[in-house]
């Protein structure tokens, strides 16, 4: 997986899939990806990085990046989940969206410090 790659997942827990983005360069971090998800904008949501319809084909309404739910994941494990059908690859994020989400990661008070180090 590379910076900007996306996949759908979480439906087994959340009831519906969310868009997840790889926002770092995993090969530069021993194959560990920093992934963040995008969720529907709700009251009291973090507003560090808002995403609107048209910024990615999966986004159909006002949404936000959930930096508090960011995760590190081994790329090999993510690829196994894709092969097993538990994660669904989606269209890569544009360079503009990727940079926007990365900028939000550095500004967010909710992204864990150890995850920020993966950027």
C-alpha atoms as a PDB file:
ATOM      1  CA  UNK A   1       0.000   0.000   0.000  1.00  0.00           C
ATOM      2  CA  UNK A   2       1.106   3.501  -0.813  1.00  0.00           C
ATOM      3  CA  UNK A   3       0.266   7.025   0.365  1.00  0.00           C
ATOM      4  CA  UNK A   4      -3.249   7.888  -0.762  1.00  0.00           C
ATOM      5  CA  UNK A   5      -4.456   4.301  -1.119  1.00  0.00           C
ATOM      6  CA  UNK A   6      -7.943   3.804   0.270  1.00  0.00           C
ATOM      7  CA  UNK A   7     -10.147   0.941   1.296  1.00  0.00           C
ATOM      8  CA  UNK A   8     -13.578   0.405   2.784  1.00  0.00           C
ATOM      9  CA  UNK A   9     -13.994  -1.326   6.100  1.00  0.00           C
ATOM     10  CA  UNK A  10     -15.543  -1.329   9.526  1.00  0.00           C
ATOM     11  CA  UNK A  11     -18.993  -2.494   8.537  1.00  0.00           C
ATOM     12  CA  UNK A  12     -18.714  -5.598  10.672  1.00  0.00           C
ATOM     13  CA  UNK A  13     -18.437  -3.378  13.754  1.00  0.00           C
ATOM     14  CA  UNK A  14     -20.098  -0.120  12.739  1.00  0.00           C
ATOM     15  CA  UNK A  15     -22.907  -1.492  10.598  1.00  0.00           C
ATOM     16  CA  UNK A  16     -21.629   0.312   7.517  1.00  0.00           C
ATOM     17  CA  UNK A  17     -18.275   0.637   5.826  1.00  0.00           C
ATOM     18  CA  UNK A  18     -16.206   3.780   6.145  1.00  0.00           C
ATOM     19  CA  UNK A  19     -13.486   5.082   3.876  1.00  0.00           C
ATOM     20  CA  UNK A  20      -9.962   4.557   5.254  1.00  0.00           C
ATOM     21  CA  UNK A  21      -6.898   6.317   3.847  1.00  0.00           C
ATOM     22  CA  UNK A  22      -3.209   5.470   4.059  1.00  0.00           C
ATOM     23  CA  UNK A  23      -1.634   8.838   4.817  1.00  0.00           C
ATOM     24  CA  UNK A  24       2.030   7.977   5.298  1.00  0.00           C
ATOM     25  CA  UNK A  25       4.680   6.181   3.270  1.00  0.00           C
ATOM     26  CA  UNK A  26       4.648   2.648   4.749  1.00  0.00           C
ATOM     27  CA  UNK A  27       7.973   1.490   3.213  1.00  0.00           C
ATOM     28  CA  UNK A  28       9.702   4.334   5.059  1.00  0.00           C
ATOM     29  CA  UNK A  29       8.310   2.938   8.334  1.00  0.00           C
ATOM     30  CA  UNK A  30       9.136  -0.778   8.040  1.00  0.00           C
ATOM     31  CA  UNK A  31       5.842  -1.538   6.293  1.00  0.00           C
ATOM     32  CA  UNK A  32       3.632   0.165   8.876  1.00  0.00           C
ATOM     33  CA  UNK A  33       0.781   2.270   7.486  1.00  0.00           C
ATOM     34  CA  UNK A  34      -0.860   5.179   9.265  1.00  0.00           C
ATOM     35  CA  UNK A  35      -4.558   4.913   8.430  1.00  0.00           C
ATOM     36  CA  UNK A  36      -7.418   7.297   9.197  1.00  0.00           C
ATOM     37  CA  UNK A  37     -11.094   6.978   8.459  1.00  0.00           C
ATOM     38  CA  UNK A  38     -13.718   9.383   7.217  1.00  0.00           C
ATOM     39  CA  UNK A  39     -17.133   9.527   8.851  1.00  0.00           C
ATOM     40  CA  UNK A  40     -20.368  11.444   8.417  1.00  0.00           C
ATOM     41  CA  UNK A  41     -20.188  14.889   9.970  1.00  0.00           C
ATOM     42  CA  UNK A  42     -22.168  15.005  13.213  1.00  0.00           C
ATOM     43  CA  UNK A  43     -22.556  17.550  16.012  1.00  0.00           C
ATOM     44  CA  UNK A  44     -19.476  17.626  18.232  1.00  0.00           C
ATOM     45  CA  UNK A  45     -17.324  15.964  15.557  1.00  0.00           C
ATOM     46  CA  UNK A  46     -13.717  17.019  15.244  1.00  0.00           C
ATOM     47  CA  UNK A  47     -13.550  19.712  12.572  1.00  0.00           C
ATOM     48  CA  UNK A  48      -9.805  19.734  11.928  1.00  0.00           C
ATOM     49  CA  UNK A  49     -10.293  18.216   8.470  1.00  0.00           C
ATOM     50  CA  UNK A  50     -13.681  18.346   6.781  1.00  0.00           C
ATOM     51  CA  UNK A  51     -14.250  16.427   3.554  1.00  0.00           C
ATOM     52  CA  UNK A  52     -17.043  17.251   1.155  1.00  0.00           C
ATOM     53  CA  UNK A  53     -18.790  15.457  -1.664  1.00  0.00           C
ATOM     54  CA  UNK A  54     -16.585  15.471  -4.732  1.00  0.00           C
ATOM     55  CA  UNK A  55     -13.283  15.266  -2.880  1.00  0.00           C
ATOM     56  CA  UNK A  56     -13.389  11.459  -3.197  1.00  0.00           C
ATOM     57  CA  UNK A  57     -15.895   9.275  -5.082  1.00  0.00           C
ATOM     58  CA  UNK A  58     -16.991   7.480  -1.892  1.00  0.00           C
ATOM     59  CA  UNK A  59     -17.872  10.723  -0.069  1.00  0.00           C
ATOM     60  CA  UNK A  60     -21.528  11.604  -0.663  1.00  0.00           C
ATOM     61  CA  UNK A  61     -22.121  14.210   2.083  1.00  0.00           C
ATOM     62  CA  UNK A  62     -20.298  16.395   4.580  1.00  0.00           C
ATOM     63  CA  UNK A  63     -17.783  14.257   6.432  1.00  0.00           C
ATOM     64  CA  UNK A  64     -14.754  14.554   8.659  1.00  0.00           C
ATOM     65  CA  UNK A  65     -11.493  12.732   9.278  1.00  0.00           C
ATOM     66  CA  UNK A  66     -11.557  10.906  12.614  1.00  0.00           C
ATOM     67  CA  UNK A  67      -7.988  11.418  13.807  1.00  0.00           C
ATOM     68  CA  UNK A  68      -8.927  10.062  17.219  1.00  0.00           C
ATOM     69  CA  UNK A  69      -9.632   6.715  15.519  1.00  0.00           C
ATOM     70  CA  UNK A  70      -6.375   6.640  13.547  1.00  0.00           C
ATOM     71  CA  UNK A  71      -4.462   3.381  13.608  1.00  0.00           C
ATOM     72  CA  UNK A  72      -1.135   1.954  12.645  1.00  0.00           C
ATOM     73  CA  UNK A  73      -1.351  -1.258  10.673  1.00  0.00           C
ATOM     74  CA  UNK A  74       1.115  -3.601   9.087  1.00  0.00           C
ATOM     75  CA  UNK A  75       0.675  -3.424   5.315  1.00  0.00           C
ATOM     76  CA  UNK A  76       0.983  -7.210   5.021  1.00  0.00           C
ATOM     77  CA  UNK A  77      -1.933  -7.598   7.459  1.00  0.00           C
ATOM     78  CA  UNK A  78      -4.046  -5.083   5.536  1.00  0.00           C
ATOM     79  CA  UNK A  79      -3.324  -6.898   2.288  1.00  0.00           C
ATOM     80  CA  UNK A  80      -4.431 -10.194   3.878  1.00  0.00           C
ATOM     81  CA  UNK A  81      -7.713  -8.553   4.918  1.00  0.00           C
ATOM     82  CA  UNK A  82      -8.217  -7.324   1.354  1.00  0.00           C
ATOM     83  CA  UNK A  83      -7.533 -10.793  -0.071  1.00  0.00           C
ATOM     84  CA  UNK A  84      -9.987 -12.285   2.440  1.00  0.00           C
ATOM     85  CA  UNK A  85     -12.644  -9.768   1.362  1.00  0.00           C
ATOM     86  CA  UNK A  86     -12.807  -8.110   4.781  1.00  0.00           C
ATOM     87  CA  UNK A  87     -11.511  -4.823   3.379  1.00  0.00           C
ATOM     88  CA  UNK A  88     -12.461  -3.511  -0.056  1.00  0.00           C
ATOM     89  CA  UNK A  89      -9.981  -1.455  -2.088  1.00  0.00           C
ATOM     90  CA  UNK A  90     -11.343   1.836  -3.365  1.00  0.00           C
ATOM     91  CA  UNK A  91     -10.115   4.615  -5.641  1.00  0.00           C
ATOM     92  CA  UNK A  92      -6.954   6.307  -4.379  1.00  0.00           C
ATOM     93  CA  UNK A  93      -7.242   9.745  -2.827  1.00  0.00           C
ATOM     94  CA  UNK A  94      -6.143  12.660  -4.974  1.00  0.00           C
ATOM     95  CA  UNK A  95      -2.855  14.339  -4.128  1.00  0.00           C
ATOM     96  CA  UNK A  96      -4.847  17.390  -2.961  1.00  0.00           C
ATOM     97  CA  UNK A  97      -7.002  15.329  -0.577  1.00  0.00           C
ATOM     98  CA  UNK A  98      -3.995  13.397   0.730  1.00  0.00           C
ATOM     99  CA  UNK A  99      -2.130  16.621   1.526  1.00  0.00           C
ATOM    100  CA  UNK A 100      -5.228  18.065   3.189  1.00  0.00           C
ATOM    101  CA  UNK A 101      -5.611  14.991   5.402  1.00  0.00           C
ATOM    102  CA  UNK A 102      -1.883  14.992   6.246  1.00  0.00           C
ATOM    103  CA  UNK A 103      -2.047  18.673   7.220  1.00  0.00           C
ATOM    104  CA  UNK A 104      -5.020  17.895   9.418  1.00  0.00           C
ATOM    105  CA  UNK A 105      -3.084  15.090  11.073  1.00  0.00           C
ATOM    106  CA  UNK A 106      -0.343  17.475  12.161  1.00  0.00           C
ATOM    107  CA  UNK A 107      -2.929  19.976  13.443  1.00  0.00           C
ATOM    108  CA  UNK A 108      -5.305  17.566  15.182  1.00  0.00           C
ATOM    109  CA  UNK A 109      -5.209  17.448  18.967  1.00  0.00           C
ATOM    110  CA  UNK A 110      -6.702  13.935  18.784  1.00  0.00           C
ATOM    111  CA  UNK A 111      -4.016  12.118  16.796  1.00  0.00           C
ATOM    112  CA  UNK A 112      -1.815  10.106  19.162  1.00  0.00           C
ATOM    113  CA  UNK A 113       1.806  11.277  19.255  1.00  0.00           C
ATOM    114  CA  UNK A 114       3.199   7.844  18.423  1.00  0.00           C
ATOM    115  CA  UNK A 115       1.028   7.806  15.295  1.00  0.00           C
ATOM    116  CA  UNK A 116       2.083  11.312  14.293  1.00  0.00           C
ATOM    117  CA  UNK A 117       5.656   9.995  14.246  1.00  0.00           C
ATOM    118  CA  UNK A 118       4.648   7.759  11.306  1.00  0.00           C
ATOM    119  CA  UNK A 119       4.093  10.801   9.082  1.00  0.00           C
END
